[in-house]
Amino acid sequence: MPMAAEDISDLIRAGIPDAVVEITDLAGDGDHYAAKVTSASFAGMPRVRQHQAVYAALGGRMGGVLHALQLTTVVPK
C-alpha cells in the first residue's frame, strides 16, 4: 500500500522538528514523490548528510512502503 504524502511530512517533521516540508506526488499514484525539506539544522552539513537525516526521519521506509522520493534539502536564508 502506498504511503500518503501527509504521513511522509509528519515523519520528517517528527525527526527534524524545525523542518518545512513540501511534498509533490510526481505520478499521481501515491507512490512516487518529491520532497523539499528546509531546515536550519542542515546548516554546515554536506548535502549527503542532509539527505541521510531525512532518510533517518523516515525510519527505514525508503525502498519499502515508500517506493521513490526525489529529495531536495535546503538551509533557510
C-alpha atoms as a PDB file:
ATOM      1  CA  MET A   1       0.000   0.000   0.000  1.00  0.00           C
ATOM      2  CA  PRO A   2       1.401   3.426  -0.950  1.00  0.00           C
ATOM      3  CA  MET A   3       2.316   5.973   1.678  1.00  0.00           C
ATOM      4  CA  ALA A   4       0.265   9.170   1.979  1.00  0.00           C
ATOM      5  CA  ALA A   5       2.022  12.497   1.424  1.00  0.00           C
ATOM      6  CA  GLU A   6       0.817  13.708   4.823  1.00  0.00           C
ATOM      7  CA  ASP A   7       2.418  10.690   6.517  1.00  0.00           C
ATOM      8  CA  ILE A   8       5.734  11.461   4.837  1.00  0.00           C
ATOM      9  CA  SER A   9       5.560  15.086   6.010  1.00  0.00           C
ATOM     10  CA  ASP A  10       4.620  14.039   9.532  1.00  0.00           C
ATOM     11  CA  LEU A  11       7.540  11.600   9.794  1.00  0.00           C
ATOM     12  CA  ILE A  12      10.049  14.142   8.518  1.00  0.00           C
ATOM     13  CA  ARG A  13       8.785  16.836  10.902  1.00  0.00           C
ATOM     14  CA  ALA A  14       8.865  14.373  13.803  1.00  0.00           C
ATOM     15  CA  GLY A  15      12.529  13.612  13.060  1.00  0.00           C
ATOM     16  CA  ILE A  16      13.504  17.173  12.120  1.00  0.00           C
ATOM     17  CA  PRO A  17      11.214  19.381  14.235  1.00  0.00           C
ATOM     18  CA  ASP A  18      12.041  22.713  12.557  1.00  0.00           C
ATOM     19  CA  ALA A  19      11.581  21.312   9.035  1.00  0.00           C
ATOM     20  CA  VAL A  20       9.320  22.935   6.499  1.00  0.00           C
ATOM     21  CA  VAL A  21       8.249  20.106   4.200  1.00  0.00           C
ATOM     22  CA  GLU A  22       6.706  20.382   0.739  1.00  0.00           C
ATOM     23  CA  ILE A  23       5.561  17.108  -0.844  1.00  0.00           C
ATOM     24  CA  THR A  24       4.589  16.664  -4.504  1.00  0.00           C
ATOM     25  CA  ASP A  25       3.045  13.472  -5.900  1.00  0.00           C
ATOM     26  CA  LEU A  26       5.044  13.132  -9.134  1.00  0.00           C
ATOM     27  CA  ALA A  27       2.998  10.437 -10.871  1.00  0.00           C
ATOM     28  CA  GLY A  28      -0.393  10.818  -9.227  1.00  0.00           C
ATOM     29  CA  ASP A  29      -0.106   7.264  -7.936  1.00  0.00           C
ATOM     30  CA  GLY A  30       0.750   7.933  -4.278  1.00  0.00           C
ATOM     31  CA  ASP A  31       3.991   6.036  -4.771  1.00  0.00           C
ATOM     32  CA  HIS A  32       6.423   8.494  -6.424  1.00  0.00           C
ATOM     33  CA  TYR A  33       7.030  11.723  -4.547  1.00  0.00           C
ATOM     34  CA  ALA A  34       9.290  14.753  -4.498  1.00  0.00           C
ATOM     35  CA  ALA A  35      10.073  16.345  -1.154  1.00  0.00           C
ATOM     36  CA  LYS A  36      11.636  19.709  -0.459  1.00  0.00           C
ATOM     37  CA  VAL A  37      12.813  19.880   3.132  1.00  0.00           C
ATOM     38  CA  THR A  38      14.011  23.202   4.551  1.00  0.00           C
ATOM     39  CA  SER A  39      15.705  23.174   7.946  1.00  0.00           C
ATOM     40  CA  ALA A  40      18.205  25.315   9.836  1.00  0.00           C
ATOM     41  CA  SER A  41      19.596  22.078  11.268  1.00  0.00           C
ATOM     42  CA  PHE A  42      21.124  21.396   7.826  1.00  0.00           C
ATOM     43  CA  ALA A  43      23.492  24.380   8.178  1.00  0.00           C
ATOM     44  CA  GLY A  44      27.108  23.287   7.823  1.00  0.00           C
ATOM     45  CA  MET A  45      26.152  19.740   6.774  1.00  0.00           C
ATOM     46  CA  PRO A  46      27.195  18.362   3.417  1.00  0.00           C
ATOM     47  CA  ARG A  47      24.248  17.506   1.162  1.00  0.00           C
ATOM     48  CA  VAL A  48      24.733  13.763   1.717  1.00  0.00           C
ATOM     49  CA  ARG A  49      24.369  14.193   5.495  1.00  0.00           C
ATOM     50  CA  GLN A  50      21.251  16.325   4.993  1.00  0.00           C
ATOM     51  CA  HIS A  51      19.680  13.557   2.918  1.00  0.00           C
ATOM     52  CA  GLN A  52      20.736  10.947   5.469  1.00  0.00           C
ATOM     53  CA  ALA A  53      18.965  12.971   8.178  1.00  0.00           C
ATOM     54  CA  VAL A  54      15.743  12.929   6.143  1.00  0.00           C
ATOM     55  CA  TYR A  55      16.045   9.181   5.437  1.00  0.00           C
ATOM     56  CA  ALA A  56      16.632   8.555   9.148  1.00  0.00           C
ATOM     57  CA  ALA A  57      13.455  10.505   9.938  1.00  0.00           C
ATOM     58  CA  LEU A  58      11.584   8.210   7.538  1.00  0.00           C
ATOM     59  CA  GLY A  59      12.613   5.274   9.710  1.00  0.00           C
ATOM     60  CA  GLY A  60      13.648   2.773   7.054  1.00  0.00           C
ATOM     61  CA  ARG A  61      10.527   3.194   4.908  1.00  0.00           C
ATOM     62  CA  MET A  62      12.532   4.172   1.814  1.00  0.00           C
ATOM     63  CA  GLY A  63      12.569   1.350  -0.714  1.00  0.00           C
ATOM     64  CA  GLY A  64       9.719  -0.372   1.075  1.00  0.00           C
ATOM     65  CA  VAL A  65       6.386   1.294   1.696  1.00  0.00           C
ATOM     66  CA  LEU A  66       7.861   4.497   0.219  1.00  0.00           C
ATOM     67  CA  HIS A  67       8.973   3.446  -3.234  1.00  0.00           C
ATOM     68  CA  ALA A  68      10.518   6.629  -4.671  1.00  0.00           C
ATOM     69  CA  LEU A  69      11.400  10.011  -3.217  1.00  0.00           C
ATOM     70  CA  GLN A  70      13.125  12.787  -5.133  1.00  0.00           C
ATOM     71  CA  LEU A  71      14.732  14.762  -2.333  1.00  0.00           C
ATOM     72  CA  THR A  72      15.826  18.399  -2.173  1.00  0.00           C
ATOM     73  CA  THR A  73      17.229  19.803   1.067  1.00  0.00           C
ATOM     74  CA  VAL A  74      17.617  23.495   1.766  1.00  0.00           C
ATOM     75  CA  VAL A  75      19.052  25.683   4.526  1.00  0.00           C
ATOM     76  CA  PRO A  76      16.811  28.730   5.079  1.00  0.00           C
ATOM     77  CA  LYS A  77      18.248  32.117   4.137  1.00  0.00           C
END
